[in-house]
């Protein structure tokens, strides 16, 4: 089954002009509330109430590489090793 070519001059994803931006409205103004709410992106980050603190820490490259070589979750494994070394586990 072949697809017919688009009409001449048709652009599936044209670049917006100033006029396009002037006509644009926020999604919440033109879509049903449930649809607009589904489009809201999760801001990400750590959940509220976390007991974690972001710090800048200089660690030898070979030590960091050792944990990274273990794959995903290397920061949690490093945290667990630090807790153990500090006598917190």
PDB file of N, CA and C in Angstrom:
ATOM      1  N   UNK A   1       0.839  -1.178   0.000  1.00  0.00           N
ATOM      2  CA  UNK A   1       0.000   0.000   0.000  1.00  0.00           C
ATOM      3  C   UNK A   1       0.885   1.242   0.000  1.00  0.00           C
ATOM      4  N   UNK A   2       0.752   2.067  -0.952  1.00  0.00           N
ATOM      5  CA  UNK A   2       1.579   3.276  -0.996  1.00  0.00           C
ATOM      6  C   UNK A   2       0.760   4.477  -0.535  1.00  0.00           C
ATOM      7  N   UNK A   3       1.449   5.390   0.037  1.00  0.00           N
ATOM      8  CA  UNK A   3       0.818   6.608   0.544  1.00  0.00           C
ATOM      9  C   UNK A   3       0.942   7.698  -0.517  1.00  0.00           C
ATOM     10  N   UNK A   4      -0.135   8.390  -0.755  1.00  0.00           N
ATOM     11  CA  UNK A   4      -0.112   9.462  -1.750  1.00  0.00           C
ATOM     12  C   UNK A   4       0.779  10.597  -1.250  1.00  0.00           C
ATOM     13  N   UNK A   5       1.513  11.223  -2.132  1.00  0.00           N
ATOM     14  CA  UNK A   5       2.369  12.338  -1.709  1.00  0.00           C
ATOM     15  C   UNK A   5       1.517  13.518  -1.255  1.00  0.00           C
ATOM     16  N   UNK A   6       2.049  14.324  -0.340  1.00  0.00           N
ATOM     17  CA  UNK A   6       1.296  15.487   0.133  1.00  0.00           C
ATOM     18  C   UNK A   6       1.131  16.500  -0.993  1.00  0.00           C
ATOM     19  N   UNK A   7       0.110  17.351  -0.875  1.00  0.00           N
ATOM     20  CA  UNK A   7      -0.083  18.391  -1.890  1.00  0.00           C
ATOM     21  C   UNK A   7       1.125  19.322  -1.960  1.00  0.00           C
ATOM     22  N   UNK A   8       1.327  19.900  -3.102  1.00  0.00           N
ATOM     23  CA  UNK A   8       2.451  20.815  -3.284  1.00  0.00           C
ATOM     24  C   UNK A   8       2.342  21.987  -2.302  1.00  0.00           C
ATOM     25  N   UNK A   9       3.461  22.318  -1.682  1.00  0.00           N
ATOM     26  CA  UNK A   9       3.474  23.429  -0.739  1.00  0.00           C
ATOM     27  C   UNK A   9       3.090  23.034   0.679  1.00  0.00           C
ATOM     28  N   UNK A  10       2.666  21.770   0.890  1.00  0.00           N
ATOM     29  CA  UNK A  10       2.262  21.311   2.225  1.00  0.00           C
ATOM     30  C   UNK A  10       3.499  21.059   3.071  1.00  0.00           C
ATOM     31  N   UNK A  11       3.478  21.535   4.296  1.00  0.00           N
ATOM     32  CA  UNK A  11       4.571  21.307   5.229  1.00  0.00           C
ATOM     33  C   UNK A  11       3.960  20.794   6.521  1.00  0.00           C
ATOM     34  N   UNK A  12       4.293  19.581   6.899  1.00  0.00           N
ATOM     35  CA  UNK A  12       3.700  18.961   8.077  1.00  0.00           C
ATOM     36  C   UNK A  12       4.079  19.685   9.367  1.00  0.00           C
ATOM     37  N   UNK A  13       5.227  20.293   9.377  1.00  0.00           N
ATOM     38  CA  UNK A  13       5.697  20.964  10.588  1.00  0.00           C
ATOM     39  C   UNK A  13       6.322  22.311  10.217  1.00  0.00           C
ATOM     40  N   UNK A  14       5.491  23.272   9.828  1.00  0.00           N
ATOM     41  CA  UNK A  14       6.049  24.557   9.390  1.00  0.00           C
ATOM     42  C   UNK A  14       6.603  25.361  10.570  1.00  0.00           C
ATOM     43  N   UNK A  15       7.577  26.199  10.287  1.00  0.00           N
ATOM     44  CA  UNK A  15       8.121  27.088  11.301  1.00  0.00           C
ATOM     45  C   UNK A  15       7.080  28.161  11.615  1.00  0.00           C
ATOM     46  N   UNK A  16       6.909  28.439  12.908  1.00  0.00           N
ATOM     47  CA  UNK A  16       5.912  29.431  13.307  1.00  0.00           C
ATOM     48  C   UNK A  16       6.375  30.838  12.938  1.00  0.00           C
ATOM     49  N   UNK A  17       5.390  31.639  12.538  1.00  0.00           N
ATOM     50  CA  UNK A  17       5.654  33.045  12.234  1.00  0.00           C
ATOM     51  C   UNK A  17       5.240  33.888  13.440  1.00  0.00           C
ATOM     52  N   UNK A  18       5.528  35.178  13.391  1.00  0.00           N
ATOM     53  CA  UNK A  18       5.083  36.074  14.465  1.00  0.00           C
ATOM     54  C   UNK A  18       3.569  36.051  14.577  1.00  0.00           C
ATOM     55  N   UNK A  19       2.874  35.959  13.433  1.00  0.00           N
ATOM     56  CA  UNK A  19       1.409  35.910  13.443  1.00  0.00           C
ATOM     57  C   UNK A  19       0.915  34.643  14.144  1.00  0.00           C
ATOM     58  N   UNK A  20       1.585  33.506  13.916  1.00  0.00           N
ATOM     59  CA  UNK A  20       1.209  32.260  14.594  1.00  0.00           C
ATOM     60  C   UNK A  20       1.333  32.416  16.106  1.00  0.00           C
ATOM     61  N   UNK A  21       2.445  32.985  16.550  1.00  0.00           N
ATOM     62  CA  UNK A  21       2.646  33.181  17.988  1.00  0.00           C
ATOM     63  C   UNK A  21       1.615  34.154  18.558  1.00  0.00           C
ATOM     64  N   UNK A  22       1.241  35.163  17.801  1.00  0.00           N
ATOM     65  CA  UNK A  22       0.256  36.142  18.268  1.00  0.00           C
ATOM     66  C   UNK A  22      -1.113  35.486  18.453  1.00  0.00           C
ATOM     67  N   UNK A  23      -1.450  34.509  17.611  1.00  0.00           N
ATOM     68  CA  UNK A  23      -2.741  33.823  17.701  1.00  0.00           C
ATOM     69  C   UNK A  23      -2.756  32.718  18.749  1.00  0.00           C
ATOM     70  N   UNK A  24      -1.610  32.262  19.174  1.00  0.00           N
ATOM     71  CA  UNK A  24      -1.521  31.129  20.101  1.00  0.00           C
ATOM     72  C   UNK A  24      -2.151  31.462  21.452  1.00  0.00           C
ATOM     73  N   UNK A  25      -2.748  30.436  22.045  1.00  0.00           N
ATOM     74  CA  UNK A  25      -3.374  30.568  23.367  1.00  0.00           C
ATOM     75  C   UNK A  25      -2.837  29.463  24.275  1.00  0.00           C
ATOM     76  N   UNK A  26      -2.853  29.674  25.581  1.00  0.00           N
ATOM     77  CA  UNK A  26      -2.420  28.626  26.503  1.00  0.00           C
ATOM     78  C   UNK A  26      -3.317  27.394  26.385  1.00  0.00           C
ATOM     79  N   UNK A  27      -2.734  26.207  26.581  1.00  0.00           N
ATOM     80  CA  UNK A  27      -3.487  24.959  26.460  1.00  0.00           C
ATOM     81  C   UNK A  27      -4.713  24.960  27.363  1.00  0.00           C
ATOM     82  N   UNK A  28      -4.583  25.516  28.563  1.00  0.00           N
ATOM     83  CA  UNK A  28      -5.705  25.532  29.508  1.00  0.00           C
ATOM     84  C   UNK A  28      -6.895  26.351  29.021  1.00  0.00           C
ATOM     85  N   UNK A  29      -6.644  27.271  28.065  1.00  0.00           N
ATOM     86  CA  UNK A  29      -7.729  28.092  27.537  1.00  0.00           C
ATOM     87  C   UNK A  29      -8.503  27.412  26.415  1.00  0.00           C
ATOM     88  N   UNK A  30      -7.906  26.413  25.767  1.00  0.00           N
ATOM     89  CA  UNK A  30      -8.558  25.823  24.589  1.00  0.00           C
ATOM     90  C   UNK A  30      -8.830  24.327  24.721  1.00  0.00           C
ATOM     91  N   UNK A  31      -8.269  23.655  25.706  1.00  0.00           N
ATOM     92  CA  UNK A  31      -8.470  22.218  25.880  1.00  0.00           C
ATOM     93  C   UNK A  31      -9.316  21.944  27.117  1.00  0.00           C
ATOM     94  N   UNK A  32      -9.997  20.794  27.145  1.00  0.00           N
ATOM     95  CA  UNK A  32     -10.706  20.410  28.370  1.00  0.00           C
ATOM     96  C   UNK A  32      -9.716  20.319  29.532  1.00  0.00           C
ATOM     97  N   UNK A  33     -10.178  20.613  30.736  1.00  0.00           N
ATOM     98  CA  UNK A  33      -9.301  20.661  31.913  1.00  0.00           C
ATOM     99  C   UNK A  33      -8.504  19.370  32.090  1.00  0.00           C
ATOM    100  N   UNK A  34      -9.136  18.217  31.886  1.00  0.00           N
ATOM    101  CA  UNK A  34      -8.441  16.944  32.086  1.00  0.00           C
ATOM    102  C   UNK A  34      -7.296  16.777  31.095  1.00  0.00           C
ATOM    103  N   UNK A  35      -7.506  17.210  29.861  1.00  0.00           N
ATOM    104  CA  UNK A  35      -6.466  17.093  28.842  1.00  0.00           C
ATOM    105  C   UNK A  35      -5.321  18.056  29.159  1.00  0.00           C
ATOM    106  N   UNK A  36      -5.649  19.285  29.502  1.00  0.00           N
ATOM    107  CA  UNK A  36      -4.623  20.276  29.833  1.00  0.00           C
ATOM    108  C   UNK A  36      -3.807  19.808  31.034  1.00  0.00           C
ATOM    109  N   UNK A  37      -4.457  19.210  32.038  1.00  0.00           N
ATOM    110  CA  UNK A  37      -3.759  18.729  33.229  1.00  0.00           C
ATOM    111  C   UNK A  37      -2.799  17.595  32.872  1.00  0.00           C
ATOM    112  N   UNK A  38      -3.194  16.751  31.915  1.00  0.00           N
ATOM    113  CA  UNK A  38      -2.339  15.634  31.510  1.00  0.00           C
ATOM    114  C   UNK A  38      -1.084  16.118  30.795  1.00  0.00           C
ATOM    115  N   UNK A  39      -1.126  17.316  30.235  1.00  0.00           N
ATOM    116  CA  UNK A  39       0.020  17.857  29.518  1.00  0.00           C
ATOM    117  C   UNK A  39       1.051  18.494  30.433  1.00  0.00           C
ATOM    118  N   UNK A  40       0.679  18.770  31.671  1.00  0.00           N
ATOM    119  CA  UNK A  40       1.593  19.403  32.613  1.00  0.00           C
ATOM    120  C   UNK A  40       2.702  18.417  32.930  1.00  0.00           C
ATOM    121  N   UNK A  41       3.938  18.833  32.714  1.00  0.00           N
ATOM    122  CA  UNK A  41       5.062  17.950  32.942  1.00  0.00           C
ATOM    123  C   UNK A  41       5.429  17.912  34.415  1.00  0.00           C
ATOM    124  N   UNK A  42       5.895  16.752  34.825  1.00  0.00           N
ATOM    125  CA  UNK A  42       6.428  16.597  36.171  1.00  0.00           C
ATOM    126  C   UNK A  42       7.700  17.426  36.253  1.00  0.00           C
ATOM    127  N   UNK A  43       7.831  18.228  37.266  1.00  0.00           N
ATOM    128  CA  UNK A  43       9.011  19.070  37.409  1.00  0.00           C
ATOM    129  C   UNK A  43      10.229  18.263  37.837  1.00  0.00           C
ATOM    130  N   UNK A  44      10.019  17.034  38.219  1.00  0.00           N
ATOM    131  CA  UNK A  44      11.134  16.177  38.593  1.00  0.00           C
ATOM    132  C   UNK A  44      11.746  16.579  39.916  1.00  0.00           C
ATOM    133  N   UNK A  45      12.926  16.116  40.129  1.00  0.00           N
ATOM    134  CA  UNK A  45      13.602  16.426  41.381  1.00  0.00           C
ATOM    135  C   UNK A  45      13.202  15.470  42.486  1.00  0.00           C
ATOM    136  N   UNK A  46      13.801  15.659  43.608  1.00  0.00           N
ATOM    137  CA  UNK A  46      13.557  14.804  44.749  1.00  0.00           C
ATOM    138  C   UNK A  46      12.218  15.168  45.389  1.00  0.00           C
ATOM    139  N   UNK A  47      11.464  14.160  45.836  1.00  0.00           N
ATOM    140  CA  UNK A  47      10.173  14.443  46.477  1.00  0.00           C
ATOM    141  C   UNK A  47      10.338  15.329  47.709  1.00  0.00           C
ATOM    142  N   UNK A  48       9.332  16.122  47.986  1.00  0.00           N
ATOM    143  CA  UNK A  48       9.361  16.989  49.167  1.00  0.00           C
ATOM    144  C   UNK A  48       9.528  16.140  50.421  1.00  0.00           C
ATOM    145  N   UNK A  49      10.243  16.647  51.373  1.00  0.00           N
ATOM    146  CA  UNK A  49      10.422  15.936  52.640  1.00  0.00           C
ATOM    147  C   UNK A  49      11.605  14.972  52.616  1.00  0.00           C
ATOM    148  N   UNK A  50      12.392  14.982  51.566  1.00  0.00           N
ATOM    149  CA  UNK A  50      13.541  14.092  51.474  1.00  0.00           C
ATOM    150  C   UNK A  50      14.600  14.507  52.500  1.00  0.00           C
ATOM    151  N   UNK A  51      15.314  13.526  52.997  1.00  0.00           N
ATOM    152  CA  UNK A  51      16.378  13.846  53.955  1.00  0.00           C
ATOM    153  C   UNK A  51      17.737  13.948  53.259  1.00  0.00           C
ATOM    154  N   UNK A  52      17.720  14.100  51.936  1.00  0.00           N
ATOM    155  CA  UNK A  52      18.957  14.208  51.168  1.00  0.00           C
ATOM    156  C   UNK A  52      19.363  15.672  51.029  1.00  0.00           C
ATOM    157  N   UNK A  53      20.665  15.894  50.939  1.00  0.00           N
ATOM    158  CA  UNK A  53      21.193  17.242  50.738  1.00  0.00           C
ATOM    159  C   UNK A  53      22.225  17.187  49.623  1.00  0.00           C
ATOM    160  N   UNK A  54      22.096  18.076  48.661  1.00  0.00           N
ATOM    161  CA  UNK A  54      23.061  18.140  47.571  1.00  0.00           C
ATOM    162  C   UNK A  54      24.285  18.907  48.049  1.00  0.00           C
ATOM    163  N   UNK A  55      25.455  18.300  47.848  1.00  0.00           N
ATOM    164  CA  UNK A  55      26.707  18.938  48.251  1.00  0.00           C
ATOM    165  C   UNK A  55      27.732  18.800  47.136  1.00  0.00           C
ATOM    166  N   UNK A  56      28.721  19.674  47.151  1.00  0.00           N
ATOM    167  CA  UNK A  56      29.858  19.549  46.244  1.00  0.00           C
ATOM    168  C   UNK A  56      30.957  18.857  47.033  1.00  0.00           C
ATOM    169  N   UNK A  57      31.499  17.790  46.472  1.00  0.00           N
ATOM    170  CA  UNK A  57      32.470  16.982  47.195  1.00  0.00           C
ATOM    171  C   UNK A  57      33.545  16.515  46.222  1.00  0.00           C
ATOM    172  N   UNK A  58      34.795  16.686  46.577  1.00  0.00           N
ATOM    173  CA  UNK A  58      35.882  16.251  45.699  1.00  0.00           C
ATOM    174  C   UNK A  58      36.318  14.852  46.144  1.00  0.00           C
ATOM    175  N   UNK A  59      36.181  13.898  45.227  1.00  0.00           N
ATOM    176  CA  UNK A  59      36.516  12.498  45.508  1.00  0.00           C
ATOM    177  C   UNK A  59      37.491  12.033  44.434  1.00  0.00           C
ATOM    178  N   UNK A  60      38.454  11.214  44.814  1.00  0.00           N
ATOM    179  CA  UNK A  60      39.423  10.692  43.854  1.00  0.00           C
ATOM    180  C   UNK A  60      38.701  10.040  42.672  1.00  0.00           C
ATOM    181  N   UNK A  61      39.251  10.262  41.465  1.00  0.00           N
ATOM    182  CA  UNK A  61      38.631   9.751  40.244  1.00  0.00           C
ATOM    183  C   UNK A  61      38.462   8.240  40.264  1.00  0.00           C
ATOM    184  N   UNK A  62      39.469   7.519  40.769  1.00  0.00           N
ATOM    185  CA  UNK A  62      39.368   6.063  40.755  1.00  0.00           C
ATOM    186  C   UNK A  62      38.266   5.560  41.691  1.00  0.00           C
ATOM    187  N   UNK A  63      38.016   6.273  42.781  1.00  0.00           N
ATOM    188  CA  UNK A  63      36.949   5.882  43.700  1.00  0.00           C
ATOM    189  C   UNK A  63      35.586   6.086  43.032  1.00  0.00           C
ATOM    190  N   UNK A  64      35.387   7.244  42.402  1.00  0.00           N
ATOM    191  CA  UNK A  64      34.134   7.509  41.703  1.00  0.00           C
ATOM    192  C   UNK A  64      33.940   6.492  40.583  1.00  0.00           C
ATOM    193  N   UNK A  65      35.013   6.206  39.826  1.00  0.00           N
ATOM    194  CA  UNK A  65      34.913   5.264  38.718  1.00  0.00           C
ATOM    195  C   UNK A  65      34.527   3.870  39.211  1.00  0.00           C
ATOM    196  N   UNK A  66      35.043   3.477  40.371  1.00  0.00           N
ATOM    197  CA  UNK A  66      34.709   2.175  40.954  1.00  0.00           C
ATOM    198  C   UNK A  66      33.194   2.055  41.143  1.00  0.00           C
ATOM    199  N   UNK A  67      32.569   3.092  41.682  1.00  0.00           N
ATOM    200  CA  UNK A  67      31.120   3.052  41.898  1.00  0.00           C
ATOM    201  C   UNK A  67      30.364   3.158  40.583  1.00  0.00           C
ATOM    202  N   UNK A  68      30.813   4.014  39.669  1.00  0.00           N
ATOM    203  CA  UNK A  68      30.145   4.153  38.364  1.00  0.00           C
ATOM    204  C   UNK A  68      30.205   2.860  37.564  1.00  0.00           C
ATOM    205  N   UNK A  69      31.303   2.127  37.692  1.00  0.00           N
ATOM    206  CA  UNK A  69      31.439   0.862  36.966  1.00  0.00           C
ATOM    207  C   UNK A  69      30.368  -0.144  37.378  1.00  0.00           C
ATOM    208  N   UNK A  70      29.767   0.057  38.532  1.00  0.00           N
ATOM    209  CA  UNK A  70      28.696  -0.828  38.988  1.00  0.00           C
ATOM    210  C   UNK A  70      27.365  -0.556  38.306  1.00  0.00           C
ATOM    211  N   UNK A  71      27.297   0.475  37.477  1.00  0.00           N
ATOM    212  CA  UNK A  71      26.076   0.772  36.730  1.00  0.00           C
ATOM    213  C   UNK A  71      25.142   1.701  37.483  1.00  0.00           C
ATOM    214  N   UNK A  72      23.889   1.708  37.010  1.00  0.00           N
ATOM    215  CA  UNK A  72      22.866   2.587  37.580  1.00  0.00           C
ATOM    216  C   UNK A  72      22.756   2.373  39.086  1.00  0.00           C
ATOM    217  N   UNK A  73      22.509   3.448  39.800  1.00  0.00           N
ATOM    218  CA  UNK A  73      22.386   3.387  41.249  1.00  0.00           C
ATOM    219  C   UNK A  73      23.710   3.582  41.972  1.00  0.00           C
ATOM    220  N   UNK A  74      24.732   4.007  41.213  1.00  0.00           N
ATOM    221  CA  UNK A  74      26.056   4.134  41.824  1.00  0.00           C
ATOM    222  C   UNK A  74      26.089   5.161  42.938  1.00  0.00           C
ATOM    223  N   UNK A  75      25.294   6.223  42.817  1.00  0.00           N
ATOM    224  CA  UNK A  75      25.303   7.241  43.873  1.00  0.00           C
ATOM    225  C   UNK A  75      24.682   6.699  45.162  1.00  0.00           C
ATOM    226  N   UNK A  76      23.640   5.896  45.023  1.00  0.00           N
ATOM    227  CA  UNK A  76      23.030   5.283  46.210  1.00  0.00           C
ATOM    228  C   UNK A  76      23.988   4.297  46.861  1.00  0.00           C
ATOM    229  N   UNK A  77      24.719   3.529  46.038  1.00  0.00           N
ATOM    230  CA  UNK A  77      25.708   2.601  46.603  1.00  0.00           C
ATOM    231  C   UNK A  77      26.833   3.353  47.308  1.00  0.00           C
ATOM    232  N   UNK A  78      27.243   4.483  46.730  1.00  0.00           N
ATOM    233  CA  UNK A  78      28.284   5.285  47.371  1.00  0.00           C
ATOM    234  C   UNK A  78      27.762   5.838  48.699  1.00  0.00           C
ATOM    235  N   UNK A  79      26.523   6.293  48.712  1.00  0.00           N
ATOM    236  CA  UNK A  79      25.918   6.809  49.947  1.00  0.00           C
ATOM    237  C   UNK A  79      25.886   5.712  51.013  1.00  0.00           C
ATOM    238  N   UNK A  80      25.516   4.503  50.606  1.00  0.00           N
ATOM    239  CA  UNK A  80      25.451   3.393  51.557  1.00  0.00           C
ATOM    240  C   UNK A  80      26.836   3.069  52.108  1.00  0.00           C
ATOM    241  N   UNK A  81      27.874   3.117  51.263  1.00  0.00           N
ATOM    242  CA  UNK A  81      29.242   2.863  51.724  1.00  0.00           C
ATOM    243  C   UNK A  81      29.682   3.943  52.718  1.00  0.00           C
ATOM    244  N   UNK A  82      29.305   5.184  52.459  1.00  0.00           N
ATOM    245  CA  UNK A  82      29.653   6.273  53.380  1.00  0.00           C
ATOM    246  C   UNK A  82      28.918   6.113  54.708  1.00  0.00           C
ATOM    247  N   UNK A  83      27.653   5.705  54.655  1.00  0.00           N
ATOM    248  CA  UNK A  83      26.887   5.481  55.893  1.00  0.00           C
ATOM    249  C   UNK A  83      27.555   4.365  56.731  1.00  0.00           C
ATOM    250  N   UNK A  84      27.953   3.303  56.049  1.00  0.00           N
ATOM    251  CA  UNK A  84      28.599   2.190  56.736  1.00  0.00           C
ATOM    252  C   UNK A  84      29.923   2.633  57.363  1.00  0.00           C
ATOM    253  N   UNK A  85      30.733   3.392  56.605  1.00  0.00           N
ATOM    254  CA  UNK A  85      32.015   3.889  57.113  1.00  0.00           C
ATOM    255  C   UNK A  85      31.832   4.830  58.297  1.00  0.00           C
ATOM    256  N   UNK A  86      30.726   5.567  58.302  1.00  0.00           N
ATOM    257  CA  UNK A  86      30.452   6.504  59.395  1.00  0.00           C
ATOM    258  C   UNK A  86      29.781   5.825  60.584  1.00  0.00           C
ATOM    259  N   UNK A  87      29.501   4.521  60.460  1.00  0.00           N
ATOM    260  CA  UNK A  87      28.855   3.792  61.548  1.00  0.00           C
ATOM    261  C   UNK A  87      27.382   4.100  61.674  1.00  0.00           C
ATOM    262  N   UNK A  88      26.760   4.511  60.577  1.00  0.00           N
ATOM    263  CA  UNK A  88      25.337   4.848  60.621  1.00  0.00           C
ATOM    264  C   UNK A  88      24.447   3.693  60.171  1.00  0.00           C
ATOM    265  N   UNK A  89      25.036   2.578  59.789  1.00  0.00           N
ATOM    266  CA  UNK A  89      24.258   1.380  59.397  1.00  0.00           C
ATOM    267  C   UNK A  89      24.897   0.163  59.977  1.00  0.00           C
TER     268      UNK A  89
END
